[in-house]
Amino acid sequence: MSWYQPEPAVSLALIDLLGVAKGAPVIDIGGGASLLLDRLLARCYKDLTVLDVMRAEFDLE
């Protein structure tokens, strides 16, 4: 399922609730235009990865 939030409040709240350490690896799967990693960087998280698959269409003619 995919969704977009202008502010990733739910994801940040869950990360806080789980007590994810700032040195723990965090991956944002399907990150797209998400600002989650930006917000985590602002909170001094270091080991961040975003995984996103984009469908690309090419005109080869």
N, C-alpha and C. Protein backbone atom coordinates (compact mmCIF):
# COMPACT_ATOMS: atom_id res chain seq x y z
N MET A 1 0.85 -1.16 0.00
CA MET A 1 0.00 0.00 0.00
C MET A 1 0.90 1.23 0.00
N SER A 2 0.49 2.24 -0.70
CA SER A 2 1.28 3.45 -0.80
C SER A 2 0.46 4.65 -0.32
N TRP A 3 1.14 5.58 0.32
CA TRP A 3 0.49 6.82 0.72
C TRP A 3 1.56 7.90 0.82
N TYR A 4 1.11 9.13 0.83
CA TYR A 4 2.03 10.26 0.96
C TYR A 4 1.51 11.16 2.07
N GLN A 5 2.42 11.58 2.93
CA GLN A 5 2.08 12.57 3.96
C GLN A 5 3.04 13.73 3.79
N PRO A 6 2.54 14.96 3.75
CA PRO A 6 3.44 16.11 3.66
C PRO A 6 4.43 16.13 4.84
N GLU A 7 3.98 15.69 5.98
CA GLU A 7 4.85 15.57 7.17
C GLU A 7 4.71 14.14 7.67
N PRO A 8 5.82 13.38 7.78
CA PRO A 8 5.74 11.97 8.15
C PRO A 8 5.52 11.75 9.65
N ALA A 9 4.47 12.35 10.18
CA ALA A 9 4.22 12.34 11.62
C ALA A 9 4.01 10.93 12.17
N VAL A 10 3.26 10.10 11.48
CA VAL A 10 2.98 8.75 11.97
C VAL A 10 4.27 7.94 12.03
N SER A 11 5.07 7.99 10.97
CA SER A 11 6.33 7.23 10.95
C SER A 11 7.28 7.71 12.04
N LEU A 12 7.37 9.01 12.23
CA LEU A 12 8.25 9.56 13.27
C LEU A 12 7.76 9.16 14.66
N ALA A 13 6.45 9.17 14.85
CA ALA A 13 5.89 8.76 16.14
C ALA A 13 6.19 7.29 16.43
N LEU A 14 6.09 6.44 15.41
CA LEU A 14 6.40 5.02 15.59
C LEU A 14 7.88 4.81 15.89
N ILE A 15 8.74 5.54 15.23
CA ILE A 15 10.18 5.44 15.49
C ILE A 15 10.47 5.86 16.93
N ASP A 16 9.82 6.92 17.38
CA ASP A 16 9.98 7.37 18.77
C ASP A 16 9.45 6.33 19.75
N LEU A 17 8.28 5.79 19.46
CA LEU A 17 7.65 4.80 20.33
C LEU A 17 8.52 3.55 20.48
N LEU A 18 9.15 3.15 19.38
CA LEU A 18 10.00 1.96 19.41
C LEU A 18 11.38 2.23 20.00
N GLY A 19 11.72 3.49 20.18
CA GLY A 19 13.01 3.84 20.76
C GLY A 19 14.18 3.50 19.85
N VAL A 20 14.00 3.70 18.56
CA VAL A 20 15.06 3.39 17.60
C VAL A 20 16.28 4.27 17.88
N ALA A 21 17.41 3.64 18.09
CA ALA A 21 18.65 4.37 18.39
C ALA A 21 19.12 5.16 17.18
N LYS A 22 19.76 6.29 17.43
CA LYS A 22 20.22 7.16 16.34
C LYS A 22 21.28 6.50 15.47
N GLY A 23 21.95 5.46 15.98
CA GLY A 23 22.95 4.74 15.20
C GLY A 23 22.41 3.50 14.52
N ALA A 24 21.14 3.20 14.73
CA ALA A 24 20.54 2.00 14.14
C ALA A 24 20.28 2.22 12.66
N PRO A 25 20.43 1.16 11.85
CA PRO A 25 20.10 1.30 10.43
C PRO A 25 18.59 1.44 10.24
N VAL A 26 18.21 2.40 9.42
CA VAL A 26 16.80 2.65 9.12
C VAL A 26 16.65 2.66 7.61
N ILE A 27 15.67 1.93 7.09
CA ILE A 27 15.41 1.93 5.65
C ILE A 27 13.98 2.39 5.41
N ASP A 28 13.82 3.32 4.50
CA ASP A 28 12.50 3.81 4.09
C ASP A 28 12.19 3.15 2.76
N ILE A 29 11.34 2.13 2.80
CA ILE A 29 11.00 1.39 1.60
C ILE A 29 9.85 2.08 0.88
N GLY A 30 10.08 2.37 -0.39
CA GLY A 30 9.08 3.09 -1.17
C GLY A 30 9.09 4.57 -0.82
N GLY A 31 10.26 5.10 -0.51
CA GLY A 31 10.41 6.47 -0.02
C GLY A 31 9.87 7.54 -0.95
N GLY A 32 10.09 7.40 -2.24
CA GLY A 32 9.57 8.37 -3.20
C GLY A 32 9.84 9.81 -2.79
N ALA A 33 8.79 10.59 -2.66
CA ALA A 33 8.90 12.01 -2.30
C ALA A 33 8.84 12.24 -0.80
N SER A 34 8.92 11.16 -0.02
CA SER A 34 8.81 11.25 1.43
C SER A 34 9.90 12.15 2.03
N LEU A 35 9.54 12.82 3.10
CA LEU A 35 10.48 13.64 3.85
C LEU A 35 10.98 12.95 5.11
N LEU A 36 10.69 11.65 5.24
CA LEU A 36 11.06 10.93 6.45
C LEU A 36 12.57 10.99 6.69
N LEU A 37 13.37 10.67 5.69
CA LEU A 37 14.82 10.68 5.88
C LEU A 37 15.34 12.08 6.18
N ASP A 38 14.75 13.09 5.58
CA ASP A 38 15.14 14.47 5.90
C ASP A 38 14.90 14.77 7.37
N ARG A 39 13.74 14.33 7.87
CA ARG A 39 13.41 14.58 9.28
C ARG A 39 14.34 13.78 10.21
N LEU A 40 14.68 12.55 9.80
CA LEU A 40 15.58 11.74 10.62
C LEU A 40 16.99 12.33 10.60
N LEU A 41 17.45 12.84 9.48
CA LEU A 41 18.75 13.52 9.43
C LEU A 41 18.76 14.71 10.37
N ALA A 42 17.67 15.46 10.40
CA ALA A 42 17.57 16.62 11.29
C ALA A 42 17.62 16.19 12.76
N ARG A 43 17.23 14.93 13.03
CA ARG A 43 17.28 14.39 14.39
C ARG A 43 18.59 13.66 14.67
N CYS A 44 19.55 13.77 13.75
CA CYS A 44 20.90 13.20 13.89
C CYS A 44 20.97 11.68 13.72
N TYR A 45 20.01 11.08 13.02
CA TYR A 45 20.15 9.68 12.65
C TYR A 45 21.18 9.61 11.53
N LYS A 46 21.99 8.54 11.52
CA LYS A 46 23.13 8.48 10.60
C LYS A 46 23.03 7.39 9.55
N ASP A 47 22.54 6.21 9.90
CA ASP A 47 22.58 5.04 9.01
C ASP A 47 21.23 4.91 8.30
N LEU A 48 21.02 5.76 7.28
CA LEU A 48 19.72 5.85 6.61
C LEU A 48 19.82 5.38 5.16
N THR A 49 18.81 4.66 4.73
CA THR A 49 18.73 4.18 3.35
C THR A 49 17.31 4.38 2.86
N VAL A 50 17.18 4.75 1.60
CA VAL A 50 15.86 4.81 0.97
C VAL A 50 15.87 3.85 -0.22
N LEU A 51 14.81 3.07 -0.34
CA LEU A 51 14.66 2.12 -1.43
C LEU A 51 13.37 2.48 -2.15
N ASP A 52 13.50 2.78 -3.42
CA ASP A 52 12.32 3.15 -4.18
C ASP A 52 12.46 2.60 -5.59
N VAL A 53 11.41 2.06 -6.12
CA VAL A 53 11.40 1.54 -7.47
C VAL A 53 10.51 2.45 -8.30
N MET A 54 11.08 2.95 -9.37
CA MET A 54 10.34 3.84 -10.23
C MET A 54 10.12 3.16 -11.57
N ARG A 55 8.95 3.22 -12.09
CA ARG A 55 8.69 2.69 -13.40
C ARG A 55 9.12 3.75 -14.42
N ALA A 56 10.06 3.40 -15.23
CA ALA A 56 10.56 4.32 -16.24
C ALA A 56 10.06 3.88 -17.61
N GLU A 57 9.62 4.84 -18.38
CA GLU A 57 9.19 4.55 -19.74
C GLU A 57 10.14 5.27 -20.69
N PHE A 58 10.62 4.52 -21.66
CA PHE A 58 11.57 5.07 -22.61
C PHE A 58 10.99 5.00 -24.01
N ASP A 59 11.17 6.03 -24.76
CA ASP A 59 10.78 6.07 -26.17
C ASP A 59 12.03 5.76 -26.98
N LEU A 60 12.14 4.53 -27.47
CA LEU A 60 13.35 4.12 -28.17
C LEU A 60 13.25 4.33 -29.68
N GLU A 61 12.19 4.94 -30.14
CA GLU A 61 12.05 5.18 -31.58
C GLU A 61 12.75 6.44 -32.00
